[in-house]
Amino acid sequence: MKFLHIADIHLGMENYGRIDPSTGLHTRLKDFIKCFSFAIDIALE
C-alpha cells in the first residue's frame, strides 16, 4: 500500500503571476500543473 502526502500545494495560486499569452493560463497555474503532474507520476511508479 502506498500513501502520497502532498503539502502546501497552493490552491488558489492563480491569483498571482501573469497570464501566458500563448496559453491564456496564469504562469503560476502552469507551474502548479507541471509540479502536481510530476508528483502524480512519481506516485504511480
PDB file of N, CA and C in Angstrom:
ATOM      1  N   MET A   1       0.848  -1.166   0.000  1.00  0.00           N
ATOM      2  CA  MET A   1       0.000   0.000   0.000  1.00  0.00           C
ATOM      3  C   MET A   1       0.897   1.233   0.000  1.00  0.00           C
ATOM      4  N   LYS A   2       0.555   2.190  -0.835  1.00  0.00           N
ATOM      5  CA  LYS A   2       1.317   3.430  -0.911  1.00  0.00           C
ATOM      6  C   LYS A   2       0.461   4.588  -0.425  1.00  0.00           C
ATOM      7  N   PHE A   3       1.120   5.535   0.196  1.00  0.00           N
ATOM      8  CA  PHE A   3       0.476   6.781   0.582  1.00  0.00           C
ATOM      9  C   PHE A   3       1.244   7.919  -0.058  1.00  0.00           C
ATOM     10  N   LEU A   4       0.527   8.875  -0.567  1.00  0.00           N
ATOM     11  CA  LEU A   4       1.149  10.059  -1.147  1.00  0.00           C
ATOM     12  C   LEU A   4       0.710  11.260  -0.329  1.00  0.00           C
ATOM     13  N   HIS A   5       1.676  11.939   0.236  1.00  0.00           N
ATOM     14  CA  HIS A   5       1.381  13.140   1.020  1.00  0.00           C
ATOM     15  C   HIS A   5       1.937  14.338   0.276  1.00  0.00           C
ATOM     16  N   ILE A   6       1.055  15.216  -0.130  1.00  0.00           N
ATOM     17  CA  ILE A   6       1.455  16.442  -0.822  1.00  0.00           C
ATOM     18  C   ILE A   6       0.964  17.598   0.039  1.00  0.00           C
ATOM     19  N   ALA A   7       1.892  18.412   0.487  1.00  0.00           N
ATOM     20  CA  ALA A   7       1.535  19.518   1.373  1.00  0.00           C
ATOM     21  C   ALA A   7       1.790  20.854   0.690  1.00  0.00           C
ATOM     22  N   ASP A   8       1.058  21.837   1.131  1.00  0.00           N
ATOM     23  CA  ASP A   8       1.275  23.217   0.694  1.00  0.00           C
ATOM     24  C   ASP A   8       1.215  23.334  -0.824  1.00  0.00           C
ATOM     25  N   ILE A   9       0.101  22.872  -1.402  1.00  0.00           N
ATOM     26  CA  ILE A   9       0.006  22.853  -2.862  1.00  0.00           C
ATOM     27  C   ILE A   9      -0.505  24.168  -3.447  1.00  0.00           C
ATOM     28  N   HIS A  10      -0.744  25.136  -2.608  1.00  0.00           N
ATOM     29  CA  HIS A  10      -1.083  26.492  -3.055  1.00  0.00           C
ATOM     30  C   HIS A  10      -2.343  26.551  -3.911  1.00  0.00           C
ATOM     31  N   LEU A  11      -3.427  25.983  -3.420  1.00  0.00           N
ATOM     32  CA  LEU A  11      -4.695  26.130  -4.128  1.00  0.00           C
ATOM     33  C   LEU A  11      -5.061  27.606  -4.169  1.00  0.00           C
ATOM     34  N   GLY A  12      -5.519  28.073  -5.283  1.00  0.00           N
ATOM     35  CA  GLY A  12      -5.842  29.489  -5.453  1.00  0.00           C
ATOM     36  C   GLY A  12      -4.649  30.324  -5.854  1.00  0.00           C
ATOM     37  N   MET A  13      -3.566  29.674  -6.231  1.00  0.00           N
ATOM     38  CA  MET A  13      -2.336  30.381  -6.567  1.00  0.00           C
ATOM     39  C   MET A  13      -2.462  31.182  -7.848  1.00  0.00           C
ATOM     40  N   GLU A  14      -3.505  30.948  -8.633  1.00  0.00           N
ATOM     41  CA  GLU A  14      -3.621  31.665  -9.896  1.00  0.00           C
ATOM     42  C   GLU A  14      -3.975  33.138  -9.719  1.00  0.00           C
ATOM     43  N   ASN A  15      -4.123  33.571  -8.484  1.00  0.00           N
ATOM     44  CA  ASN A  15      -4.329  34.994  -8.213  1.00  0.00           C
ATOM     45  C   ASN A  15      -3.029  35.778  -8.359  1.00  0.00           C
ATOM     46  N   TYR A  16      -1.917  35.082  -8.505  1.00  0.00           N
ATOM     47  CA  TYR A  16      -0.607  35.717  -8.594  1.00  0.00           C
ATOM     48  C   TYR A  16       0.022  35.384  -9.938  1.00  0.00           C
ATOM     49  N   GLY A  17       1.040  36.103 -10.304  1.00  0.00           N
ATOM     50  CA  GLY A  17       1.713  35.843 -11.568  1.00  0.00           C
ATOM     51  C   GLY A  17       1.081  36.649 -12.693  1.00  0.00           C
ATOM     52  N   ARG A  18       1.333  36.202 -13.895  1.00  0.00           N
ATOM     53  CA  ARG A  18       0.792  36.896 -15.065  1.00  0.00           C
ATOM     54  C   ARG A  18       0.228  35.860 -16.022  1.00  0.00           C
ATOM     55  N   ILE A  19      -0.514  36.307 -16.991  1.00  0.00           N
ATOM     56  CA  ILE A  19      -1.107  35.403 -17.965  1.00  0.00           C
ATOM     57  C   ILE A  19      -0.110  35.149 -19.088  1.00  0.00           C
ATOM     58  N   ASP A  20       0.069  33.881 -19.409  1.00  0.00           N
ATOM     59  CA  ASP A  20       0.927  33.487 -20.520  1.00  0.00           C
ATOM     60  C   ASP A  20       0.125  33.688 -21.809  1.00  0.00           C
ATOM     61  N   PRO A  21       0.573  34.578 -22.679  1.00  0.00           N
ATOM     62  CA  PRO A  21      -0.205  34.856 -23.890  1.00  0.00           C
ATOM     63  C   PRO A  21      -0.354  33.653 -24.829  1.00  0.00           C
ATOM     64  N   SER A  22       0.571  32.706 -24.766  1.00  0.00           N
ATOM     65  CA  SER A  22       0.487  31.553 -25.672  1.00  0.00           C
ATOM     66  C   SER A  22      -0.591  30.555 -25.258  1.00  0.00           C
ATOM     67  N   THR A  23      -0.924  30.510 -23.951  1.00  0.00           N
ATOM     68  CA  THR A  23      -1.919  29.544 -23.472  1.00  0.00           C
ATOM     69  C   THR A  23      -3.146  30.202 -22.862  1.00  0.00           C
ATOM     70  N   GLY A  24      -3.006  31.448 -22.424  1.00  0.00           N
ATOM     71  CA  GLY A  24      -4.106  32.116 -21.736  1.00  0.00           C
ATOM     72  C   GLY A  24      -4.212  31.739 -20.271  1.00  0.00           C
ATOM     73  N   LEU A  25      -3.265  30.917 -19.782  1.00  0.00           N
ATOM     74  CA  LEU A  25      -3.263  30.493 -18.383  1.00  0.00           C
ATOM     75  C   LEU A  25      -2.298  31.353 -17.581  1.00  0.00           C
ATOM     76  N   HIS A  26      -2.579  31.466 -16.285  1.00  0.00           N
ATOM     77  CA  HIS A  26      -1.641  32.147 -15.399  1.00  0.00           C
ATOM     78  C   HIS A  26      -0.359  31.327 -15.326  1.00  0.00           C
ATOM     79  N   THR A  27       0.770  32.013 -15.272  1.00  0.00           N
ATOM     80  CA  THR A  27       2.051  31.309 -15.207  1.00  0.00           C
ATOM     81  C   THR A  27       2.154  30.479 -13.933  1.00  0.00           C
ATOM     82  N   ARG A  28       1.588  30.959 -12.839  1.00  0.00           N
ATOM     83  CA  ARG A  28       1.623  30.187 -11.587  1.00  0.00           C
ATOM     84  C   ARG A  28       0.783  28.922 -11.711  1.00  0.00           C
ATOM     85  N   LEU A  29      -0.325  29.007 -12.420  1.00  0.00           N
ATOM     86  CA  LEU A  29      -1.165  27.828 -12.620  1.00  0.00           C
ATOM     87  C   LEU A  29      -0.436  26.798 -13.478  1.00  0.00           C
ATOM     88  N   LYS A  30       0.244  27.247 -14.521  1.00  0.00           N
ATOM     89  CA  LYS A  30       1.019  26.330 -15.360  1.00  0.00           C
ATOM     90  C   LYS A  30       2.099  25.633 -14.541  1.00  0.00           C
ATOM     91  N   ASP A  31       2.771  26.371 -13.662  1.00  0.00           N
ATOM     92  CA  ASP A  31       3.804  25.785 -12.814  1.00  0.00           C
ATOM     93  C   ASP A  31       3.204  24.762 -11.859  1.00  0.00           C
ATOM     94  N   PHE A  32       2.042  25.085 -11.281  1.00  0.00           N
ATOM     95  CA  PHE A  32       1.360  24.163 -10.380  1.00  0.00           C
ATOM     96  C   PHE A  32       1.007  22.870 -11.108  1.00  0.00           C
ATOM     97  N   ILE A  33       0.445  22.990 -12.298  1.00  0.00           N
ATOM     98  CA  ILE A  33       0.044  21.807 -13.064  1.00  0.00           C
ATOM     99  C   ILE A  33       1.253  20.927 -13.362  1.00  0.00           C
ATOM    100  N   LYS A  34       2.367  21.545 -13.753  1.00  0.00           N
ATOM    101  CA  LYS A  34       3.586  20.790 -14.053  1.00  0.00           C
ATOM    102  C   LYS A  34       4.081  20.042 -12.812  1.00  0.00           C
ATOM    103  N   CYS A  35       4.140  20.726 -11.678  1.00  0.00           N
ATOM    104  CA  CYS A  35       4.657  20.108 -10.450  1.00  0.00           C
ATOM    105  C   CYS A  35       3.703  19.054  -9.903  1.00  0.00           C
ATOM    106  N   PHE A  36       2.401  19.316  -9.962  1.00  0.00           N
ATOM    107  CA  PHE A  36       1.423  18.350  -9.473  1.00  0.00           C
ATOM    108  C   PHE A  36       1.454  17.094 -10.344  1.00  0.00           C
ATOM    109  N   SER A  37       1.563  17.267 -11.643  1.00  0.00           N
ATOM    110  CA  SER A  37       1.668  16.117 -12.551  1.00  0.00           C
ATOM    111  C   SER A  37       2.917  15.298 -12.251  1.00  0.00           C
ATOM    112  N   PHE A  38       4.018  15.974 -11.938  1.00  0.00           N
ATOM    113  CA  PHE A  38       5.252  15.284 -11.575  1.00  0.00           C
ATOM    114  C   PHE A  38       5.040  14.439 -10.316  1.00  0.00           C
ATOM    115  N   ALA A  39       4.379  15.009  -9.313  1.00  0.00           N
ATOM    116  CA  ALA A  39       4.122  14.274  -8.067  1.00  0.00           C
ATOM    117  C   ALA A  39       3.257  13.047  -8.332  1.00  0.00           C
ATOM    118  N   ILE A  40       2.264  13.181  -9.179  1.00  0.00           N
ATOM    119  CA  ILE A  40       1.407  12.042  -9.515  1.00  0.00           C
ATOM    120  C   ILE A  40       2.199  10.977 -10.270  1.00  0.00           C
ATOM    121  N   ASP A  41       3.048  11.398 -11.194  1.00  0.00           N
ATOM    122  CA  ASP A  41       3.881  10.443 -11.930  1.00  0.00           C
ATOM    123  C   ASP A  41       4.788   9.659 -10.990  1.00  0.00           C
ATOM    124  N   ILE A  42       5.376  10.337 -10.013  1.00  0.00           N
ATOM    125  CA  ILE A  42       6.233   9.659  -9.028  1.00  0.00           C
ATOM    126  C   ILE A  42       5.411   8.653  -8.228  1.00  0.00           C
ATOM    127  N   ALA A  43       4.198   9.033  -7.861  1.00  0.00           N
ATOM    128  CA  ALA A  43       3.346   8.140  -7.072  1.00  0.00           C
ATOM    129  C   ALA A  43       2.972   6.883  -7.855  1.00  0.00           C
ATOM    130  N   LEU A  44       2.852   7.010  -9.162  1.00  0.00           N
ATOM    131  CA  LEU A  44       2.433   5.873  -9.980  1.00  0.00           C
ATOM    132  C   LEU A  44       3.578   4.941 -10.356  1.00  0.00           C
ATOM    133  N   GLU A  45       4.801   5.340 -10.077  1.00  0.00           N
ATOM    134  CA  GLU A  45       5.951   4.478 -10.398  1.00  0.00           C
ATOM    135  C   GLU A  45       5.995   3.266  -9.504  1.00  0.00           C
TER     136      GLU A  45
END
